[in-house]
């Protein structure tokens, strides 16, 4: 079968794939990135590590690459925790895949993407965060190997406010 058997059609919803990684140290702290002031989205806000999936790479390869590029770190374990579809009311939308990074090695470094900082979980509310980070960090911090992933759907209401729903 050729590529046409995939059923791709311009009248169907499409998504841009992204990855989001939350690295955790053995002491339970999470590494977040404060978006550089020049960034188009989330400048000055703390978020997980991540970015777009590039052509020719898998979701896992993208997570490994983004972690290495933005932090200098490698993960012994990248646990897939869940995925979220972001309904943008446009085509394409966004789909992002959330990972927990454990067993970190390498030399941590800054990148053009922003500033890195380790946080205890009770400290993250003291800094300006991307609005879904508290929810996602909570889910990821509790995630263990063998757990069932979560499935999220984000929509925006009539006031352009984010509405998050999760299963699992």
Protein backbone atom coordinates (compact mmCIF):
# COMPACT_ATOMS: atom_id res chain seq x y z
CA UNK A 1 0.00 0.00 0.00
CA UNK A 2 1.13 3.51 -0.71
CA UNK A 3 0.89 6.71 1.29
CA UNK A 4 -2.63 7.36 -0.04
CA UNK A 5 -3.82 4.44 2.11
CA UNK A 6 -3.23 6.62 5.19
CA UNK A 7 -6.47 8.49 4.49
CA UNK A 8 -5.01 11.98 4.79
CA UNK A 9 -7.42 14.62 3.62
CA UNK A 10 -7.42 18.41 3.72
CA UNK A 11 -10.92 18.39 5.23
CA UNK A 12 -9.77 16.54 8.37
CA UNK A 13 -8.29 18.09 11.48
CA UNK A 14 -4.48 18.01 11.59
CA UNK A 15 -2.06 18.65 14.43
CA UNK A 16 1.47 19.87 14.97
CA UNK A 17 3.30 17.39 17.22
CA UNK A 18 5.32 18.64 20.19
CA UNK A 19 7.01 17.08 23.20
CA UNK A 20 7.14 18.31 26.80
CA UNK A 21 9.61 16.82 29.28
CA UNK A 22 9.73 17.26 33.05
CA UNK A 23 13.15 16.13 34.34
CA UNK A 24 13.11 14.94 37.96
CA UNK A 25 16.17 14.62 40.19
CA UNK A 26 16.50 11.83 42.75
CA UNK A 27 15.55 14.32 45.50
CA UNK A 28 12.17 14.97 43.83
CA UNK A 29 13.01 18.39 42.39
CA UNK A 30 11.83 19.23 38.88
CA UNK A 31 13.83 21.17 36.29
CA UNK A 32 11.93 23.98 34.58
CA UNK A 33 12.92 26.43 31.87
CA UNK A 34 12.09 30.15 31.95
CA UNK A 35 11.41 31.16 28.35
CA UNK A 36 13.88 33.68 26.96
CA UNK A 37 12.54 37.19 26.36
CA UNK A 38 12.91 36.81 22.58
CA UNK A 39 10.63 33.74 22.44
CA UNK A 40 7.41 34.10 20.48
CA UNK A 41 5.40 32.08 23.02
CA UNK A 42 5.77 31.79 26.81
CA UNK A 43 8.54 34.39 27.08
CA UNK A 44 9.35 34.98 30.74
CA UNK A 45 7.23 32.05 31.91
CA UNK A 46 8.47 28.81 33.47
CA UNK A 47 7.63 25.61 31.61
CA UNK A 48 8.89 22.10 31.07
CA UNK A 49 11.55 21.32 28.50
CA UNK A 50 10.38 20.70 24.96
CA UNK A 51 9.54 21.72 21.47
CA UNK A 52 8.46 20.54 18.06
CA UNK A 53 8.90 17.06 16.65
CA UNK A 54 11.10 17.42 13.58
CA UNK A 55 10.51 15.58 10.30
CA UNK A 56 12.09 12.14 10.32
CA UNK A 57 12.14 11.63 14.09
CA UNK A 58 9.86 9.72 16.43
CA UNK A 59 8.16 11.27 19.45
CA UNK A 60 10.74 9.58 21.71
CA UNK A 61 13.66 10.80 19.59
CA UNK A 62 12.24 14.34 19.73
CA UNK A 63 12.00 14.17 23.54
CA UNK A 64 15.59 12.93 23.81
CA UNK A 65 16.83 15.65 21.43
CA UNK A 66 14.95 18.49 23.13
CA UNK A 67 16.17 17.43 26.57
CA UNK A 68 19.79 17.31 25.35
CA UNK A 69 19.59 20.58 23.37
CA UNK A 70 17.87 22.65 26.04
CA UNK A 71 19.61 21.26 29.15
CA UNK A 72 22.69 19.25 28.16
CA UNK A 73 21.21 16.29 30.06
CA UNK A 74 20.49 12.71 29.05
CA UNK A 75 17.84 10.55 30.72
CA UNK A 76 18.32 6.93 31.65
CA UNK A 77 14.51 6.68 31.61
CA UNK A 78 12.04 8.74 29.62
CA UNK A 79 8.60 7.67 30.79
CA UNK A 80 5.65 8.50 28.55
CA UNK A 81 3.08 10.00 30.93
CA UNK A 82 0.35 11.17 28.58
CA UNK A 83 -0.73 13.24 25.64
CA UNK A 84 -2.79 16.36 25.18
CA UNK A 85 -4.72 17.60 22.15
CA UNK A 86 -5.00 21.39 22.06
CA UNK A 87 -8.11 22.49 20.20
CA UNK A 88 -6.97 25.79 18.70
CA UNK A 89 -10.12 26.40 16.64
CA UNK A 90 -7.82 26.49 13.63
CA UNK A 91 -6.22 23.88 11.48
CA UNK A 92 -3.70 22.67 12.39
CA UNK A 93 -4.07 22.21 16.11
CA UNK A 94 -1.46 20.98 18.57
CA UNK A 95 -0.78 17.54 20.01
CA UNK A 96 1.85 17.25 22.68
CA UNK A 97 3.36 14.22 24.35
CA UNK A 98 4.42 14.50 27.99
CA UNK A 99 7.42 12.68 29.47
CA UNK A 100 9.06 12.27 32.85
CA UNK A 101 12.87 12.15 32.65
CA UNK A 102 14.68 10.20 35.36
CA UNK A 103 18.23 8.97 35.92
CA UNK A 104 19.78 12.15 34.54
CA UNK A 105 23.39 12.43 33.49
CA UNK A 106 25.54 14.91 31.59
CA UNK A 107 26.58 18.47 32.25
CA UNK A 108 23.65 20.85 32.62
CA UNK A 109 23.94 24.00 30.50
CA UNK A 110 21.83 26.97 29.49
CA UNK A 111 20.52 27.30 25.95
CA UNK A 112 19.11 30.12 23.82
CA UNK A 113 15.65 28.82 24.81
CA UNK A 114 15.95 30.23 28.33
CA UNK A 115 17.14 29.86 31.91
CA UNK A 116 17.06 26.57 33.85
CA UNK A 117 16.26 26.12 37.52
CA UNK A 118 15.53 23.17 39.82
CA UNK A 119 12.39 23.54 41.96
CA UNK A 120 10.95 21.66 44.88
CA UNK A 121 7.32 20.91 44.01
CA UNK A 122 6.03 23.32 46.64
CA UNK A 123 8.15 26.16 45.16
CA UNK A 124 6.79 26.22 41.62
CA UNK A 125 3.76 28.33 42.53
CA UNK A 126 6.08 31.19 43.53
CA UNK A 127 7.15 31.95 39.94
CA UNK A 128 5.21 32.86 36.78
CA UNK A 129 4.26 29.60 35.07
CA UNK A 130 2.69 28.57 31.78
CA UNK A 131 -0.89 28.05 32.95
CA UNK A 132 -1.03 24.24 32.68
CA UNK A 133 2.36 23.55 34.33
CA UNK A 134 1.04 23.09 37.89
CA UNK A 135 -1.45 20.48 36.70
CA UNK A 136 1.03 18.68 34.47
CA UNK A 137 3.87 18.69 37.03
CA UNK A 138 1.47 17.19 39.55
CA UNK A 139 0.45 14.40 37.19
CA UNK A 140 4.02 13.70 36.08
CA UNK A 141 5.48 13.77 39.60
CA UNK A 142 3.09 10.96 40.62
CA UNK A 143 3.66 8.92 37.47
CA UNK A 144 5.50 5.62 37.91
CA UNK A 145 6.77 3.12 35.33
CA UNK A 146 3.88 0.86 34.37
CA UNK A 147 1.19 3.46 35.18
CA UNK A 148 -1.54 4.18 32.67
CA UNK A 149 -0.97 7.41 30.73
CA UNK A 150 -3.34 10.36 30.94
CA UNK A 151 -5.22 11.75 27.94
CA UNK A 152 -5.89 15.47 27.89
CA UNK A 153 -7.97 17.83 25.83
CA UNK A 154 -7.49 21.59 26.02
CA UNK A 155 -10.07 24.02 24.67
CA UNK A 156 -10.56 27.75 24.94
CA UNK A 157 -13.88 29.15 26.18
CA UNK A 158 -15.75 32.23 24.93
CA UNK A 159 -13.47 34.43 27.09
CA UNK A 160 -10.35 32.83 25.56
CA UNK A 161 -9.59 31.07 28.86
CA UNK A 162 -7.98 27.64 28.83
CA UNK A 163 -10.27 24.76 29.81
CA UNK A 164 -8.41 21.53 30.57
CA UNK A 165 -9.95 18.07 30.82
CA UNK A 166 -8.19 14.78 31.49
CA UNK A 167 -8.95 11.08 31.42
CA UNK A 168 -6.78 8.52 33.11
